[in-house]
C-alpha atoms as a PDB file:
ATOM      1  CA  MET A   1     -76.404 -93.039-151.354  1.00  0.00           C
ATOM      2  CA  THR A   2     -80.129 -92.661-150.763  1.00  0.00           C
ATOM      3  CA  SER A   3     -79.955 -95.103-147.869  1.00  0.00           C
ATOM      4  CA  VAL A   4     -77.277 -92.974-146.192  1.00  0.00           C
ATOM      5  CA  LEU A   5     -79.431 -89.852-146.530  1.00  0.00           C
ATOM      6  CA  ILE A   6     -82.483 -91.652-145.152  1.00  0.00           C
ATOM      7  CA  ASN A   7     -80.467 -92.918-142.175  1.00  0.00           C
ATOM      8  CA  PHE A   8     -79.111 -89.420-141.542  1.00  0.00           C
ATOM      9  CA  VAL A   9     -82.572 -87.842-141.567  1.00  0.00           C
ATOM     10  CA  GLN A  10     -83.923 -90.540-139.250  1.00  0.00           C
ATOM     11  CA  ILE A  11     -81.083 -90.143-136.760  1.00  0.00           C
ATOM     12  CA  LEU A  12     -81.311 -86.342-136.861  1.00  0.00           C
ATOM     13  CA  ALA A  13     -85.069 -86.374-136.280  1.00  0.00           C
ATOM     14  CA  PHE A  14     -84.701 -88.840-133.400  1.00  0.00           C
ATOM     15  CA  VAL A  15     -81.952 -86.791-131.734  1.00  0.00           C
ATOM     16  CA  LEU A  16     -84.013 -83.614-132.089  1.00  0.00           C
ATOM     17  CA  TRP A  17     -86.985 -85.436-130.597  1.00  0.00           C
ATOM     18  CA  LEU A  18     -84.849 -86.457-127.591  1.00  0.00           C
ATOM     19  CA  LEU A  19     -83.559 -82.890-127.205  1.00  0.00           C
ATOM     20  CA  LEU A  20     -87.135 -81.609-127.192  1.00  0.00           C
ATOM     21  CA  ILE A  21     -88.056 -84.101-124.460  1.00  0.00           C
ATOM     22  CA  ALA A  22     -85.020 -82.961-122.460  1.00  0.00           C
ATOM     23  CA  ARG A  23     -86.027 -79.317-122.893  1.00  0.00           C
ATOM     24  CA  VAL A  24     -89.548 -79.973-121.671  1.00  0.00           C
ATOM     25  CA  VAL A  25     -88.272 -81.846-118.615  1.00  0.00           C
ATOM     26  CA  LEU A  26     -85.732 -79.091-117.907  1.00  0.00           C
ATOM     27  CA  SER A  27     -88.446 -76.438-118.152  1.00  0.00           C
ATOM     28  CA  TRP A  28     -90.403 -78.289-115.466  1.00  0.00           C
ATOM     29  CA  THR A  29     -87.527 -79.116-113.150  1.00  0.00           C
ATOM     30  CA  ASN A  30     -85.159 -76.170-113.633  1.00  0.00           C
ATOM     31  CA  PRO A  31     -87.008 -73.270-115.283  1.00  0.00           C
ATOM     32  CA  MET A  32     -84.231 -70.768-114.517  1.00  0.00           C
ATOM     33  CA  GLY A  33     -81.726 -72.817-116.489  1.00  0.00           C
ATOM     34  CA  GLY A  34     -78.056 -73.000-115.761  1.00  0.00           C
ATOM     35  CA  GLY A  35     -75.126 -75.052-116.861  1.00  0.00           C
ATOM     36  CA  GLY A  36     -73.589 -75.864-120.191  1.00  0.00           C
ATOM     37  CA  LEU A  37     -75.801 -78.841-121.025  1.00  0.00           C
ATOM     38  CA  THR A  38     -78.959 -76.827-120.402  1.00  0.00           C
ATOM     39  CA  ALA A  39     -77.663 -74.006-122.589  1.00  0.00           C
ATOM     40  CA  PHE A  40     -76.822 -76.478-125.361  1.00  0.00           C
ATOM     41  CA  ILE A  41     -80.291 -78.042-125.246  1.00  0.00           C
ATOM     42  CA  TYR A  42     -81.970 -74.635-125.379  1.00  0.00           C
ATOM     43  CA  GLN A  43     -79.738 -73.446-128.251  1.00  0.00           C
ATOM     44  CA  ALA A  44     -80.274 -76.657-130.219  1.00  0.00           C
ATOM     45  CA  THR A  45     -84.067 -76.618-129.915  1.00  0.00           C
ATOM     46  CA  GLU A  46     -84.863 -72.911-130.142  1.00  0.00           C
ATOM     47  CA  PRO A  47     -84.500 -72.715-133.966  1.00  0.00           C
ATOM     48  CA  ILE A  48     -87.197 -75.372-134.214  1.00  0.00           C
ATOM     49  CA  LEU A  49     -89.518 -73.961-131.563  1.00  0.00           C
ATOM     50  CA  ALA A  50     -89.336 -70.226-132.362  1.00  0.00           C
ATOM     51  CA  PRO A  51     -91.179 -70.402-135.733  1.00  0.00           C
ATOM     52  CA  ILE A  52     -93.868 -72.616-134.213  1.00  0.00           C
ATOM     53  CA  ARG A  53     -94.321 -70.161-131.326  1.00  0.00           C
ATOM     54  CA  ARG A  54     -94.827 -67.316-133.804  1.00  0.00           C
ATOM     55  CA  LEU A  55     -97.646 -69.278-135.453  1.00  0.00           C
ATOM     56  CA  LEU A  56     -99.118 -70.740-132.278  1.00  0.00           C
ATOM     57  CA  PRO A  57     -99.223 -68.421-129.257  1.00  0.00           C
ATOM     58  CA  PRO A  58     -99.353 -69.955-125.761  1.00  0.00           C
ATOM     59  CA  THR A  59    -102.783 -70.908-124.534  1.00  0.00           C
ATOM     60  CA  ALA A  60    -103.473 -70.447-120.824  1.00  0.00           C
ATOM     61  CA  GLY A  61     -99.743 -70.228-120.168  1.00  0.00           C
ATOM     62  CA  VAL A  62     -98.968 -73.544-121.888  1.00  0.00           C
ATOM     63  CA  ASP A  63     -96.315 -73.613-124.594  1.00  0.00           C
ATOM     64  CA  TRP A  64     -97.571 -76.039-127.239  1.00  0.00           C
ATOM     65  CA  ALA A  65     -94.539 -75.578-129.519  1.00  0.00           C
ATOM     66  CA  PRO A  66     -92.600 -78.635-128.239  1.00  0.00           C
ATOM     67  CA  LEU A  67     -95.617 -80.894-128.759  1.00  0.00           C
ATOM     68  CA  VAL A  68     -96.195 -79.573-132.281  1.00  0.00           C
ATOM     69  CA  ALA A  69     -92.492 -79.955-133.095  1.00  0.00           C
ATOM     70  CA  MET A  70     -92.478 -83.531-131.817  1.00  0.00           C
ATOM     71  CA  LEU A  71     -95.556 -84.351-133.884  1.00  0.00           C
ATOM     72  CA  LEU A  72     -93.918 -82.862-136.992  1.00  0.00           C
ATOM     73  CA  LEU A  73     -90.754 -84.856-136.355  1.00  0.00           C
ATOM     74  CA  GLY A  74     -92.890 -87.988-136.035  1.00  0.00           C
ATOM     75  CA  VAL A  75     -94.489 -87.250-139.399  1.00  0.00           C
ATOM     76  CA  ILE A  76     -91.052 -86.747-140.945  1.00  0.00           C
ATOM     77  CA  LEU A  77     -89.860 -90.062-139.502  1.00  0.00           C
ATOM     78  CA  ARG A  78     -92.886 -91.861-140.926  1.00  0.00           C
ATOM     79  CA  LEU A  79     -92.420 -90.273-144.350  1.00  0.00           C
ATOM     80  CA  VAL A  80     -88.756 -91.201-144.443  1.00  0.00           C
ATOM     81  CA  ALA A  81     -89.554 -94.741-143.304  1.00  0.00           C
ATOM     82  CA  GLY A  82     -92.076 -94.922-146.147  1.00  0.00           C
ATOM     83  CA  LEU A  83     -89.367 -93.847-148.600  1.00  0.00           C
ATOM     84  CA  ARG A  84     -87.120 -96.610-147.307  1.00  0.00           C
ATOM     85  CA  ASN A  85     -89.866 -99.197-147.861  1.00  0.00           C
ATOM     86  CA  PHE A  86     -90.760 -97.702-151.247  1.00  0.00           C
ATOM     87  CA  GLY A  87     -87.199 -97.811-152.616  1.00  0.00           C
END
C-alpha cells in the first residue's frame, strides 16, 4: 500500500511540475490567455501559486512563484524517493 501512495505522490508532483512549465511558457507566448486548455492549466496551477505569491511579491515585474513551486515539488520528489529507498 505504501508503494502505491509513493507512486501516486511522485506522479502527481511530476504532472504539477509539467503544468507549471506549461503555464510559464503560455505566459510568455500568450499572456492574454484563451482556450480551454489554457484555462485548465491556469486553474490547475493557481492553487499552488497563489499562496507563494502572497509570501513572495514580484520583484522588478518578475513572478518568482512558479520557480519556487517547482523547487518545492523537486524537494517533495526527492523526499518521496528517499522514502522508497528507505522502505
